[in-house]
């Protein structure tokens, strides 16, 4: 019996041995495409807050996935790798933060499991609940900077279990200001900006991520483009990449809830709004934050083919963008 226990222990230990980049990275990402010495943005997730498969979903879109989960179905998140300063940053603390941070470390070749900072957009479950893994039950982080707007910061300080992360010094909350530039490394700056959304517990913001050569726009959640007091087409003209809310392809895919209670720009609405843009401007747009019902998740769907035909892009997990 002792030999059997020893055998099991050896199997577990060697089975958990860290694997090289080739095995951990997605099949469509080669080691030669890793950031190297360049500041890089990496897509770490593309799915709406509750993931895919979705809890209690009985539709065909989830039925197969419950028994056959897909490793590329992670909740929306971006990572930034800055090799020169040897820093990494995470945008959104999702329920998939464990694997997303592991992947971010692999892309950066860093020795640190945790990033140098986490940026939050708002207090909906897919965007901040991963903070729970920074507590003493899990990573037991030490003063990890978490950047948030005033209401978001107050929400985390005033409500458990998040407040315990603050009192235990697992995280240090850093205040952001609307449209105020923050330099987070020698090569990277960010500008947070308010967008209209369901702000039950916090503001909702997007980010402009400014690298040494290129700039990215990140708006994973917004109600409707028309409700924003800013011309989204004008903002797109000022950046090189635009990662935009694409929760629903159209209203037909939601038949169990009142769509007015969960407003987002439908992809068909966004394509109509952007139809007058030049092909080079359309090419900047990467749709992201897909609901589990969104046909865009099917690479062979007519919806996805239509989006690509019209000159837009679909964000894909582990895709890299030089900044």
C-alpha atoms as a PDB file:
ATOM      1  CA  UNK A   1       0.000   0.000   0.000  1.00  0.00           C
ATOM      2  CA  UNK A   2       2.887   2.371   0.814  1.00  0.00           C
ATOM      3  CA  UNK A   3       4.364   1.765  -2.659  1.00  0.00           C
ATOM      4  CA  UNK A   4       0.999   2.510  -4.249  1.00  0.00           C
ATOM      5  CA  UNK A   5       0.729   5.802  -2.355  1.00  0.00           C
ATOM      6  CA  UNK A   6       4.280   6.716  -3.365  1.00  0.00           C
ATOM      7  CA  UNK A   7       3.500   5.926  -7.008  1.00  0.00           C
ATOM      8  CA  UNK A   8       0.399   8.145  -6.951  1.00  0.00           C
ATOM      9  CA  UNK A   9       2.371  10.990  -5.369  1.00  0.00           C
ATOM     10  CA  UNK A  10       5.078  10.772  -8.029  1.00  0.00           C
ATOM     11  CA  UNK A  11       2.476  10.773 -10.812  1.00  0.00           C
ATOM     12  CA  UNK A  12       0.787  13.846  -9.344  1.00  0.00           C
ATOM     13  CA  UNK A  13       4.035  15.734  -8.863  1.00  0.00           C
ATOM     14  CA  UNK A  14       5.371  15.037 -12.335  1.00  0.00           C
ATOM     15  CA  UNK A  15       1.945  15.558 -13.902  1.00  0.00           C
ATOM     16  CA  UNK A  16       1.859  19.052 -12.393  1.00  0.00           C
ATOM     17  CA  UNK A  17       5.333  19.953 -13.623  1.00  0.00           C
ATOM     18  CA  UNK A  18       5.250  23.234 -15.524  1.00  0.00           C
ATOM     19  CA  UNK A  19       5.100  22.734 -19.263  1.00  0.00           C
ATOM     20  CA  UNK A  20       6.963  24.743 -21.905  1.00  0.00           C
ATOM     21  CA  UNK A  21       5.426  27.464 -24.031  1.00  0.00           C
ATOM     22  CA  UNK A  22       4.697  25.103 -26.904  1.00  0.00           C
ATOM     23  CA  UNK A  23       2.312  23.039 -24.786  1.00  0.00           C
ATOM     24  CA  UNK A  24       0.669  25.824 -22.798  1.00  0.00           C
ATOM     25  CA  UNK A  25       0.000  28.282 -25.591  1.00  0.00           C
ATOM     26  CA  UNK A  26      -2.961  27.926 -27.906  1.00  0.00           C
ATOM     27  CA  UNK A  27      -2.402  25.851 -31.024  1.00  0.00           C
ATOM     28  CA  UNK A  28      -2.755  28.888 -33.271  1.00  0.00           C
ATOM     29  CA  UNK A  29       0.023  30.791 -31.464  1.00  0.00           C
ATOM     30  CA  UNK A  30       3.632  29.914 -32.195  1.00  0.00           C
ATOM     31  CA  UNK A  31       6.545  30.636 -29.889  1.00  0.00           C
ATOM     32  CA  UNK A  32       8.062  32.804 -32.626  1.00  0.00           C
ATOM     33  CA  UNK A  33       5.065  35.152 -32.328  1.00  0.00           C
ATOM     34  CA  UNK A  34       5.663  35.859 -28.631  1.00  0.00           C
ATOM     35  CA  UNK A  35       6.226  39.507 -27.692  1.00  0.00           C
ATOM     36  CA  UNK A  36      10.016  39.327 -27.518  1.00  0.00           C
ATOM     37  CA  UNK A  37      11.243  42.853 -26.772  1.00  0.00           C
ATOM     38  CA  UNK A  38       8.108  44.649 -27.984  1.00  0.00           C
ATOM     39  CA  UNK A  39       5.272  45.979 -25.870  1.00  0.00           C
ATOM     40  CA  UNK A  40       2.301  43.749 -26.691  1.00  0.00           C
ATOM     41  CA  UNK A  41      -1.402  43.397 -25.991  1.00  0.00           C
ATOM     42  CA  UNK A  42      -2.789  39.855 -25.735  1.00  0.00           C
ATOM     43  CA  UNK A  43      -6.431  38.759 -25.796  1.00  0.00           C
ATOM     44  CA  UNK A  44      -7.032  36.563 -22.740  1.00  0.00           C
ATOM     45  CA  UNK A  45     -10.791  36.115 -23.106  1.00  0.00           C
ATOM     46  CA  UNK A  46     -13.671  37.073 -25.387  1.00  0.00           C
ATOM     47  CA  UNK A  47     -16.850  35.799 -23.679  1.00  0.00           C
ATOM     48  CA  UNK A  48     -19.572  37.665 -21.752  1.00  0.00           C
ATOM     49  CA  UNK A  49     -19.521  37.607 -17.921  1.00  0.00           C
ATOM     50  CA  UNK A  50     -21.207  34.248 -17.240  1.00  0.00           C
ATOM     51  CA  UNK A  51     -19.092  32.297 -19.695  1.00  0.00           C
ATOM     52  CA  UNK A  52     -19.841  29.607 -22.253  1.00  0.00           C
ATOM     53  CA  UNK A  53     -21.382  27.176 -21.525  1.00  0.00           C
ATOM     54  CA  UNK A  54     -23.753  29.371 -19.563  1.00  0.00           C
ATOM     55  CA  UNK A  55     -25.337  28.380 -16.254  1.00  0.00           C
ATOM     56  CA  UNK A  56     -28.817  26.814 -16.623  1.00  0.00           C
ATOM     57  CA  UNK A  57     -28.683  27.083 -20.421  1.00  0.00           C
ATOM     58  CA  UNK A  58     -30.603  24.286 -22.142  1.00  0.00           C
ATOM     59  CA  UNK A  59     -30.062  25.534 -25.679  1.00  0.00           C
ATOM     60  CA  UNK A  60     -27.987  23.812 -28.317  1.00  0.00           C
ATOM     61  CA  UNK A  61     -25.315  26.504 -27.946  1.00  0.00           C
ATOM     62  CA  UNK A  62     -24.422  25.100 -24.512  1.00  0.00           C
ATOM     63  CA  UNK A  63     -25.692  21.511 -24.391  1.00  0.00           C
ATOM     64  CA  UNK A  64     -22.611  20.008 -26.045  1.00  0.00           C
ATOM     65  CA  UNK A  65     -20.176  22.270 -24.168  1.00  0.00           C
ATOM     66  CA  UNK A  66     -21.270  21.118 -20.718  1.00  0.00           C
ATOM     67  CA  UNK A  67     -19.772  17.704 -21.489  1.00  0.00           C
ATOM     68  CA  UNK A  68     -17.110  18.959 -23.897  1.00  0.00           C
ATOM     69  CA  UNK A  69     -15.802  22.306 -22.591  1.00  0.00           C
ATOM     70  CA  UNK A  70     -13.672  24.391 -24.932  1.00  0.00           C
ATOM     71  CA  UNK A  71     -10.474  25.830 -23.480  1.00  0.00           C
ATOM     72  CA  UNK A  72     -10.786  28.976 -25.597  1.00  0.00           C
ATOM     73  CA  UNK A  73     -14.078  30.026 -23.982  1.00  0.00           C
ATOM     74  CA  UNK A  74     -12.789  32.497 -21.364  1.00  0.00           C
ATOM     75  CA  UNK A  75     -14.472  35.630 -20.033  1.00  0.00           C
ATOM     76  CA  UNK A  76     -13.354  38.881 -21.635  1.00  0.00           C
ATOM     77  CA  UNK A  77      -9.928  40.132 -20.585  1.00  0.00           C
ATOM     78  CA  UNK A  78      -6.825  41.769 -22.023  1.00  0.00           C
ATOM     79  CA  UNK A  79      -3.215  41.479 -20.951  1.00  0.00           C
ATOM     80  CA  UNK A  80      -0.330  43.879 -21.523  1.00  0.00           C
ATOM     81  CA  UNK A  81       3.269  42.698 -21.685  1.00  0.00           C
ATOM     82  CA  UNK A  82       6.038  45.305 -21.447  1.00  0.00           C
ATOM     83  CA  UNK A  83       9.356  43.423 -21.708  1.00  0.00           C
ATOM     84  CA  UNK A  84      11.517  46.543 -21.377  1.00  0.00           C
ATOM     85  CA  UNK A  85      10.173  47.354 -17.909  1.00  0.00           C
ATOM     86  CA  UNK A  86       9.591  43.649 -17.169  1.00  0.00           C
ATOM     87  CA  UNK A  87       5.979  44.370 -16.244  1.00  0.00           C
ATOM     88  CA  UNK A  88       2.611  42.850 -17.060  1.00  0.00           C
ATOM     89  CA  UNK A  89      -0.887  44.245 -16.578  1.00  0.00           C
ATOM     90  CA  UNK A  90      -4.334  42.690 -16.599  1.00  0.00           C
ATOM     91  CA  UNK A  91      -7.563  44.335 -17.746  1.00  0.00           C
ATOM     92  CA  UNK A  92     -10.552  42.825 -15.904  1.00  0.00           C
ATOM     93  CA  UNK A  93     -10.486  40.344 -13.029  1.00  0.00           C
ATOM     94  CA  UNK A  94     -12.722  37.605 -14.431  1.00  0.00           C
ATOM     95  CA  UNK A  95     -13.909  34.256 -13.058  1.00  0.00           C
ATOM     96  CA  UNK A  96     -11.227  32.785 -15.357  1.00  0.00           C
ATOM     97  CA  UNK A  97      -8.407  34.802 -13.784  1.00  0.00           C
ATOM     98  CA  UNK A  98      -6.484  31.680 -12.713  1.00  0.00           C
ATOM     99  CA  UNK A  99      -5.802  30.433 -16.232  1.00  0.00           C
ATOM    100  CA  UNK A 100      -5.615  33.930 -17.677  1.00  0.00           C
ATOM    101  CA  UNK A 101      -2.792  34.951 -15.348  1.00  0.00           C
ATOM    102  CA  UNK A 102      -0.985  31.712 -16.062  1.00  0.00           C
ATOM    103  CA  UNK A 103      -1.235  32.441 -19.765  1.00  0.00           C
ATOM    104  CA  UNK A 104      -0.144  36.068 -19.304  1.00  0.00           C
ATOM    105  CA  UNK A 105       2.961  34.842 -17.478  1.00  0.00           C
ATOM    106  CA  UNK A 106       3.709  32.420 -20.284  1.00  0.00           C
ATOM    107  CA  UNK A 107       3.435  35.157 -22.890  1.00  0.00           C
ATOM    108  CA  UNK A 108       5.729  37.411 -20.879  1.00  0.00           C
ATOM    109  CA  UNK A 109       8.216  34.745 -19.724  1.00  0.00           C
ATOM    110  CA  UNK A 110       7.941  36.431 -16.329  1.00  0.00           C
ATOM    111  CA  UNK A 111       8.771  34.619 -13.124  1.00  0.00           C
ATOM    112  CA  UNK A 112       5.897  36.361 -11.350  1.00  0.00           C
ATOM    113  CA  UNK A 113       2.526  34.633 -11.215  1.00  0.00           C
ATOM    114  CA  UNK A 114       0.707  37.905 -10.539  1.00  0.00           C
ATOM    115  CA  UNK A 115       0.675  41.042 -12.724  1.00  0.00           C
ATOM    116  CA  UNK A 116       1.986  44.478 -11.786  1.00  0.00           C
ATOM    117  CA  UNK A 117      -1.516  45.902 -11.836  1.00  0.00           C
ATOM    118  CA  UNK A 118      -5.159  45.095 -12.598  1.00  0.00           C
ATOM    119  CA  UNK A 119      -7.548  47.533 -14.279  1.00  0.00           C
ATOM    120  CA  UNK A 120     -11.299  47.170 -13.717  1.00  0.00           C
ATOM    121  CA  UNK A 121     -14.094  48.541 -15.902  1.00  0.00           C
ATOM    122  CA  UNK A 122     -17.144  48.050 -13.648  1.00  0.00           C
ATOM    123  CA  UNK A 123     -18.921  45.987 -11.003  1.00  0.00           C
ATOM    124  CA  UNK A 124     -20.600  43.288 -13.071  1.00  0.00           C
ATOM    125  CA  UNK A 125     -19.590  39.750 -12.158  1.00  0.00           C
ATOM    126  CA  UNK A 126     -17.391  38.939 -15.143  1.00  0.00           C
ATOM    127  CA  UNK A 127     -15.243  42.018 -14.656  1.00  0.00           C
ATOM    128  CA  UNK A 128     -14.238  42.037 -10.989  1.00  0.00           C
ATOM    129  CA  UNK A 129     -15.230  38.767  -9.258  1.00  0.00           C
ATOM    130  CA  UNK A 130     -11.844  37.202 -10.037  1.00  0.00           C
ATOM    131  CA  UNK A 131     -10.379  39.451  -7.351  1.00  0.00           C
ATOM    132  CA  UNK A 132     -11.489  36.790  -4.857  1.00  0.00           C
ATOM    133  CA  UNK A 133      -8.541  34.646  -5.947  1.00  0.00           C
ATOM    134  CA  UNK A 134      -6.114  37.279  -4.648  1.00  0.00           C
ATOM    135  CA  UNK A 135      -7.158  36.648  -1.034  1.00  0.00           C
ATOM    136  CA  UNK A 136      -5.598  34.497   1.655  1.00  0.00           C
ATOM    137  CA  UNK A 137      -7.590  31.419   0.583  1.00  0.00           C
ATOM    138  CA  UNK A 138      -5.797  31.507  -2.779  1.00  0.00           C
ATOM    139  CA  UNK A 139      -2.870  33.652  -4.047  1.00  0.00           C
ATOM    140  CA  UNK A 140      -2.600  35.759  -0.860  1.00  0.00           C
ATOM    141  CA  UNK A 141      -1.321  38.650  -2.962  1.00  0.00           C
ATOM    142  CA  UNK A 142       0.830  41.341  -1.376  1.00  0.00           C
ATOM    143  CA  UNK A 143      -0.245  44.939  -2.117  1.00  0.00           C
ATOM    144  CA  UNK A 144      -1.185  44.219  -5.729  1.00  0.00           C
ATOM    145  CA  UNK A 145      -2.331  47.519  -7.339  1.00  0.00           C
ATOM    146  CA  UNK A 146      -5.955  47.425  -8.519  1.00  0.00           C
ATOM    147  CA  UNK A 147      -7.019  50.480 -10.506  1.00  0.00           C
ATOM    148  CA  UNK A 148     -10.635  51.601 -10.239  1.00  0.00           C
ATOM    149  CA  UNK A 149     -12.886  54.640 -10.577  1.00  0.00           C
ATOM    150  CA  UNK A 150     -14.251  56.287  -7.374  1.00  0.00           C
ATOM    151  CA  UNK A 151     -17.571  54.386  -7.086  1.00  0.00           C
ATOM    152  CA  UNK A 152     -15.895  51.100  -7.967  1.00  0.00           C
ATOM    153  CA  UNK A 153     -13.193  51.770  -5.381  1.00  0.00           C
ATOM    154  CA  UNK A 154     -15.784  52.610  -2.716  1.00  0.00           C
ATOM    155  CA  UNK A 155     -17.780  49.474  -3.574  1.00  0.00           C
ATOM    156  CA  UNK A 156     -14.738  47.250  -3.024  1.00  0.00           C
ATOM    157  CA  UNK A 157     -13.744  49.028   0.196  1.00  0.00           C
ATOM    158  CA  UNK A 158     -17.250  48.940   1.666  1.00  0.00           C
ATOM    159  CA  UNK A 159     -18.478  45.439   0.831  1.00  0.00           C
ATOM    160  CA  UNK A 160     -17.235  42.012   1.836  1.00  0.00           C
ATOM    161  CA  UNK A 161     -15.533  39.874   0.832  1.00  0.00           C
ATOM    162  CA  UNK A 162     -13.738  42.485  -1.281  1.00  0.00           C
ATOM    163  CA  UNK A 163     -13.071  44.761   1.697  1.00  0.00           C
ATOM    164  CA  UNK A 164     -11.040  41.969   3.284  1.00  0.00           C
ATOM    165  CA  UNK A 165      -8.624  42.122   0.348  1.00  0.00           C
ATOM    166  CA  UNK A 166      -8.009  45.751   1.291  1.00  0.00           C
ATOM    167  CA  UNK A 167      -7.696  45.281   5.061  1.00  0.00           C
ATOM    168  CA  UNK A 168      -5.388  42.284   4.588  1.00  0.00           C
ATOM    169  CA  UNK A 169      -3.232  44.280   2.155  1.00  0.00           C
ATOM    170  CA  UNK A 170      -3.769  41.760  -0.619  1.00  0.00           C
ATOM    171  CA  UNK A 171      -4.624  44.658  -2.914  1.00  0.00           C
ATOM    172  CA  UNK A 172      -3.950  48.384  -2.992  1.00  0.00           C
ATOM    173  CA  UNK A 173      -6.803  50.299  -4.604  1.00  0.00           C
ATOM    174  CA  UNK A 174      -5.593  53.064  -6.906  1.00  0.00           C
ATOM    175  CA  UNK A 175      -8.050  55.789  -7.872  1.00  0.00           C
ATOM    176  CA  UNK A 176      -8.657  56.590 -11.525  1.00  0.00           C
ATOM    177  CA  UNK A 177     -10.118  59.825 -12.869  1.00  0.00           C
ATOM    178  CA  UNK A 178     -12.272  60.214 -15.960  1.00  0.00           C
ATOM    179  CA  UNK A 179     -10.124  61.105 -18.987  1.00  0.00           C
ATOM    180  CA  UNK A 180      -7.012  61.392 -16.800  1.00  0.00           C
ATOM    181  CA  UNK A 181      -3.866  59.789 -18.228  1.00  0.00           C
ATOM    182  CA  UNK A 182      -1.938  57.372 -16.018  1.00  0.00           C
ATOM    183  CA  UNK A 183       1.601  56.272 -16.895  1.00  0.00           C
ATOM    184  CA  UNK A 184       1.950  52.658 -15.747  1.00  0.00           C
ATOM    185  CA  UNK A 185       5.374  51.903 -17.241  1.00  0.00           C
ATOM    186  CA  UNK A 186       7.952  53.662 -19.382  1.00  0.00           C
ATOM    187  CA  UNK A 187       6.181  52.338 -22.475  1.00  0.00           C
ATOM    188  CA  UNK A 188       2.504  52.167 -21.495  1.00  0.00           C
ATOM    189  CA  UNK A 189      -0.083  54.733 -20.432  1.00  0.00           C
ATOM    190  CA  UNK A 190      -3.827  54.365 -19.989  1.00  0.00           C
ATOM    191  CA  UNK A 191      -6.727  56.795 -20.122  1.00  0.00           C
ATOM    192  CA  UNK A 192     -10.027  55.673 -18.511  1.00  0.00           C
ATOM    193  CA  UNK A 193     -13.273  57.223 -19.730  1.00  0.00           C
ATOM    194  CA  UNK A 194     -16.910  56.916 -18.666  1.00  0.00           C
ATOM    195  CA  UNK A 195     -19.459  55.119 -20.860  1.00  0.00           C
ATOM    196  CA  UNK A 196     -23.199  54.612 -20.254  1.00  0.00           C
ATOM    197  CA  UNK A 197     -24.113  51.219 -18.842  1.00  0.00           C
ATOM    198  CA  UNK A 198     -26.160  49.698 -16.019  1.00  0.00           C
ATOM    199  CA  UNK A 199     -24.289  51.324 -13.148  1.00  0.00           C
ATOM    200  CA  UNK A 200     -25.917  49.633 -10.160  1.00  0.00           C
ATOM    201  CA  UNK A 201     -22.784  49.534  -7.984  1.00  0.00           C
ATOM    202  CA  UNK A 202     -20.116  51.429  -9.915  1.00  0.00           C
ATOM    203  CA  UNK A 203     -19.343  53.546 -12.910  1.00  0.00           C
ATOM    204  CA  UNK A 204     -18.635  51.814 -16.204  1.00  0.00           C
ATOM    205  CA  UNK A 205     -15.531  52.794 -18.110  1.00  0.00           C
ATOM    206  CA  UNK A 206     -13.566  51.960 -21.180  1.00  0.00           C
ATOM    207  CA  UNK A 207      -9.830  52.353 -21.642  1.00  0.00           C
ATOM    208  CA  UNK A 208      -7.480  53.867 -24.152  1.00  0.00           C
ATOM    209  CA  UNK A 209      -4.240  51.885 -23.906  1.00  0.00           C
ATOM    210  CA  UNK A 210      -1.271  53.825 -25.254  1.00  0.00           C
ATOM    211  CA  UNK A 211       1.895  51.972 -26.225  1.00  0.00           C
ATOM    212  CA  UNK A 212       5.178  53.320 -27.605  1.00  0.00           C
ATOM    213  CA  UNK A 213       3.945  53.037 -31.198  1.00  0.00           C
ATOM    214  CA  UNK A 214       0.237  52.152 -31.242  1.00  0.00           C
ATOM    215  CA  UNK A 215      -2.940  52.721 -29.269  1.00  0.00           C
ATOM    216  CA  UNK A 216      -5.847  50.409 -28.434  1.00  0.00           C
ATOM    217  CA  UNK A 217      -9.438  51.123 -27.423  1.00  0.00           C
ATOM    218  CA  UNK A 218     -11.214  48.743 -25.034  1.00  0.00           C
ATOM    219  CA  UNK A 219     -14.986  49.053 -24.492  1.00  0.00           C
ATOM    220  CA  UNK A 220     -16.319  45.622 -23.445  1.00  0.00           C
ATOM    221  CA  UNK A 221     -19.646  46.977 -22.140  1.00  0.00           C
ATOM    222  CA  UNK A 222     -21.804  49.920 -23.216  1.00  0.00           C
ATOM    223  CA  UNK A 223     -25.570  50.334 -23.507  1.00  0.00           C
ATOM    224  CA  UNK A 224     -25.915  51.779 -27.022  1.00  0.00           C
ATOM    225  CA  UNK A 225     -23.560  53.931 -29.071  1.00  0.00           C
ATOM    226  CA  UNK A 226     -26.262  56.597 -29.373  1.00  0.00           C
ATOM    227  CA  UNK A 227     -26.467  56.940 -25.583  1.00  0.00           C
ATOM    228  CA  UNK A 228     -22.816  57.975 -25.330  1.00  0.00           C
ATOM    229  CA  UNK A 229     -22.052  61.692 -25.592  1.00  0.00           C
ATOM    230  CA  UNK A 230     -18.986  60.838 -27.663  1.00  0.00           C
ATOM    231  CA  UNK A 231     -18.751  59.984 -31.360  1.00  0.00           C
ATOM    232  CA  UNK A 232     -17.413  56.423 -31.390  1.00  0.00           C
ATOM    233  CA  UNK A 233     -16.324  56.740 -35.029  1.00  0.00           C
ATOM    234  CA  UNK A 234     -14.187  59.736 -34.093  1.00  0.00           C
ATOM    235  CA  UNK A 235     -12.597  57.790 -31.236  1.00  0.00           C
ATOM    236  CA  UNK A 236     -11.848  54.864 -33.581  1.00  0.00           C
ATOM    237  CA  UNK A 237     -10.066  57.281 -35.933  1.00  0.00           C
ATOM    238  CA  UNK A 238      -7.638  58.112 -33.111  1.00  0.00           C
ATOM    239  CA  UNK A 239      -6.535  54.538 -32.342  1.00  0.00           C
ATOM    240  CA  UNK A 240      -4.971  51.564 -34.109  1.00  0.00           C
ATOM    241  CA  UNK A 241      -7.168  48.828 -32.586  1.00  0.00           C
ATOM    242  CA  UNK A 242     -10.711  49.045 -31.229  1.00  0.00           C
ATOM    243  CA  UNK A 243     -12.021  46.160 -29.102  1.00  0.00           C
ATOM    244  CA  UNK A 244     -15.755  46.817 -28.935  1.00  0.00           C
ATOM    245  CA  UNK A 245     -18.810  45.391 -27.164  1.00  0.00           C
ATOM    246  CA  UNK A 246     -20.423  42.686 -29.309  1.00  0.00           C
ATOM    247  CA  UNK A 247     -22.502  40.884 -26.688  1.00  0.00           C
ATOM    248  CA  UNK A 248     -25.393  40.089 -29.033  1.00  0.00           C
ATOM    249  CA  UNK A 249     -25.467  39.668 -32.799  1.00  0.00           C
ATOM    250  CA  UNK A 250     -29.104  40.795 -32.826  1.00  0.00           C
ATOM    251  CA  UNK A 251     -32.133  40.762 -30.550  1.00  0.00           C
ATOM    252  CA  UNK A 252     -33.500  37.488 -31.888  1.00  0.00           C
ATOM    253  CA  UNK A 253     -31.030  35.323 -29.950  1.00  0.00           C
ATOM    254  CA  UNK A 254     -32.516  36.304 -26.568  1.00  0.00           C
ATOM    255  CA  UNK A 255     -35.985  34.845 -26.129  1.00  0.00           C
ATOM    256  CA  UNK A 256     -36.057  34.190 -22.391  1.00  0.00           C
ATOM    257  CA  UNK A 257     -35.376  37.699 -21.071  1.00  0.00           C
ATOM    258  CA  UNK A 258     -36.455  41.257 -21.765  1.00  0.00           C
ATOM    259  CA  UNK A 259     -33.730  42.552 -24.055  1.00  0.00           C
ATOM    260  CA  UNK A 260     -34.417  46.125 -22.897  1.00  0.00           C
ATOM    261  CA  UNK A 261     -33.087  45.158 -19.457  1.00  0.00           C
ATOM    262  CA  UNK A 262     -29.709  44.158 -20.882  1.00  0.00           C
ATOM    263  CA  UNK A 263     -28.987  46.793 -23.555  1.00  0.00           C
ATOM    264  CA  UNK A 264     -25.863  46.443 -25.662  1.00  0.00           C
ATOM    265  CA  UNK A 265     -25.080  47.508 -29.232  1.00  0.00           C
ATOM    266  CA  UNK A 266     -26.128  44.606 -31.459  1.00  0.00           C
ATOM    267  CA  UNK A 267     -23.421  43.698 -33.941  1.00  0.00           C
ATOM    268  CA  UNK A 268     -25.847  44.375 -36.790  1.00  0.00           C
ATOM    269  CA  UNK A 269     -26.396  47.873 -35.336  1.00  0.00           C
ATOM    270  CA  UNK A 270     -22.669  48.498 -35.034  1.00  0.00           C
ATOM    271  CA  UNK A 271     -22.024  47.358 -38.598  1.00  0.00           C
ATOM    272  CA  UNK A 272     -24.735  49.718 -39.832  1.00  0.00           C
ATOM    273  CA  UNK A 273     -23.300  52.591 -37.794  1.00  0.00           C
ATOM    274  CA  UNK A 274     -19.801  51.935 -39.133  1.00  0.00           C
ATOM    275  CA  UNK A 275     -20.779  51.152 -42.735  1.00  0.00           C
ATOM    276  CA  UNK A 276     -19.566  54.548 -43.959  1.00  0.00           C
ATOM    277  CA  UNK A 277     -16.067  54.075 -42.558  1.00  0.00           C
ATOM    278  CA  UNK A 278     -13.188  53.325 -44.895  1.00  0.00           C
ATOM    279  CA  UNK A 279     -11.971  49.749 -45.068  1.00  0.00           C
ATOM    280  CA  UNK A 280      -8.843  50.724 -43.115  1.00  0.00           C
ATOM    281  CA  UNK A 281     -11.020  52.116 -40.299  1.00  0.00           C
ATOM    282  CA  UNK A 282     -13.263  49.046 -40.276  1.00  0.00           C
ATOM    283  CA  UNK A 283     -10.166  46.858 -40.057  1.00  0.00           C
ATOM    284  CA  UNK A 284      -9.331  48.464 -36.717  1.00  0.00           C
ATOM    285  CA  UNK A 285     -12.516  47.086 -35.147  1.00  0.00           C
ATOM    286  CA  UNK A 286     -12.375  43.779 -33.274  1.00  0.00           C
ATOM    287  CA  UNK A 287     -15.707  42.638 -31.859  1.00  0.00           C
ATOM    288  CA  UNK A 288     -15.413  41.119 -28.369  1.00  0.00           C
ATOM    289  CA  UNK A 289     -17.490  40.151 -25.267  1.00  0.00           C
ATOM    290  CA  UNK A 290     -19.774  37.554 -26.873  1.00  0.00           C
ATOM    291  CA  UNK A 291     -22.828  36.197 -25.106  1.00  0.00           C
ATOM    292  CA  UNK A 292     -23.083  32.392 -25.091  1.00  0.00           C
ATOM    293  CA  UNK A 293     -25.978  32.705 -27.582  1.00  0.00           C
ATOM    294  CA  UNK A 294     -23.997  34.776 -30.063  1.00  0.00           C
ATOM    295  CA  UNK A 295     -23.602  32.933 -33.407  1.00  0.00           C
ATOM    296  CA  UNK A 296     -20.219  34.642 -33.801  1.00  0.00           C
ATOM    297  CA  UNK A 297     -18.777  31.965 -31.529  1.00  0.00           C
ATOM    298  CA  UNK A 298     -19.306  29.472 -34.346  1.00  0.00           C
ATOM    299  CA  UNK A 299     -16.447  29.956 -36.781  1.00  0.00           C
ATOM    300  CA  UNK A 300     -18.565  28.575 -39.615  1.00  0.00           C
ATOM    301  CA  UNK A 301     -21.679  30.660 -38.923  1.00  0.00           C
ATOM    302  CA  UNK A 302     -23.163  32.942 -41.535  1.00  0.00           C
ATOM    303  CA  UNK A 303     -23.135  35.745 -38.969  1.00  0.00           C
ATOM    304  CA  UNK A 304     -19.369  35.515 -38.529  1.00  0.00           C
ATOM    305  CA  UNK A 305     -18.803  35.312 -42.274  1.00  0.00           C
ATOM    306  CA  UNK A 306     -20.934  38.431 -42.758  1.00  0.00           C
ATOM    307  CA  UNK A 307     -18.923  40.399 -40.192  1.00  0.00           C
ATOM    308  CA  UNK A 308     -15.633  39.434 -41.828  1.00  0.00           C
ATOM    309  CA  UNK A 309     -16.979  40.109 -45.319  1.00  0.00           C
ATOM    310  CA  UNK A 310     -17.905  43.641 -44.240  1.00  0.00           C
ATOM    311  CA  UNK A 311     -14.315  44.341 -43.231  1.00  0.00           C
ATOM    312  CA  UNK A 312     -14.524  43.927 -39.464  1.00  0.00           C
ATOM    313  CA  UNK A 313     -12.616  41.520 -37.232  1.00  0.00           C
ATOM    314  CA  UNK A 314     -13.531  39.036 -34.513  1.00  0.00           C
ATOM    315  CA  UNK A 315     -11.276  39.041 -31.447  1.00  0.00           C
ATOM    316  CA  UNK A 316      -9.731  35.638 -30.757  1.00  0.00           C
ATOM    317  CA  UNK A 317      -8.230  34.396 -27.535  1.00  0.00           C
ATOM    318  CA  UNK A 318      -4.407  34.541 -27.381  1.00  0.00           C
ATOM    319  CA  UNK A 319      -4.231  36.892 -30.372  1.00  0.00           C
ATOM    320  CA  UNK A 320      -1.321  39.347 -30.089  1.00  0.00           C
ATOM    321  CA  UNK A 321      -1.196  43.035 -31.005  1.00  0.00           C
ATOM    322  CA  UNK A 322       1.999  45.081 -31.011  1.00  0.00           C
ATOM    323  CA  UNK A 323       1.775  48.364 -29.192  1.00  0.00           C
END
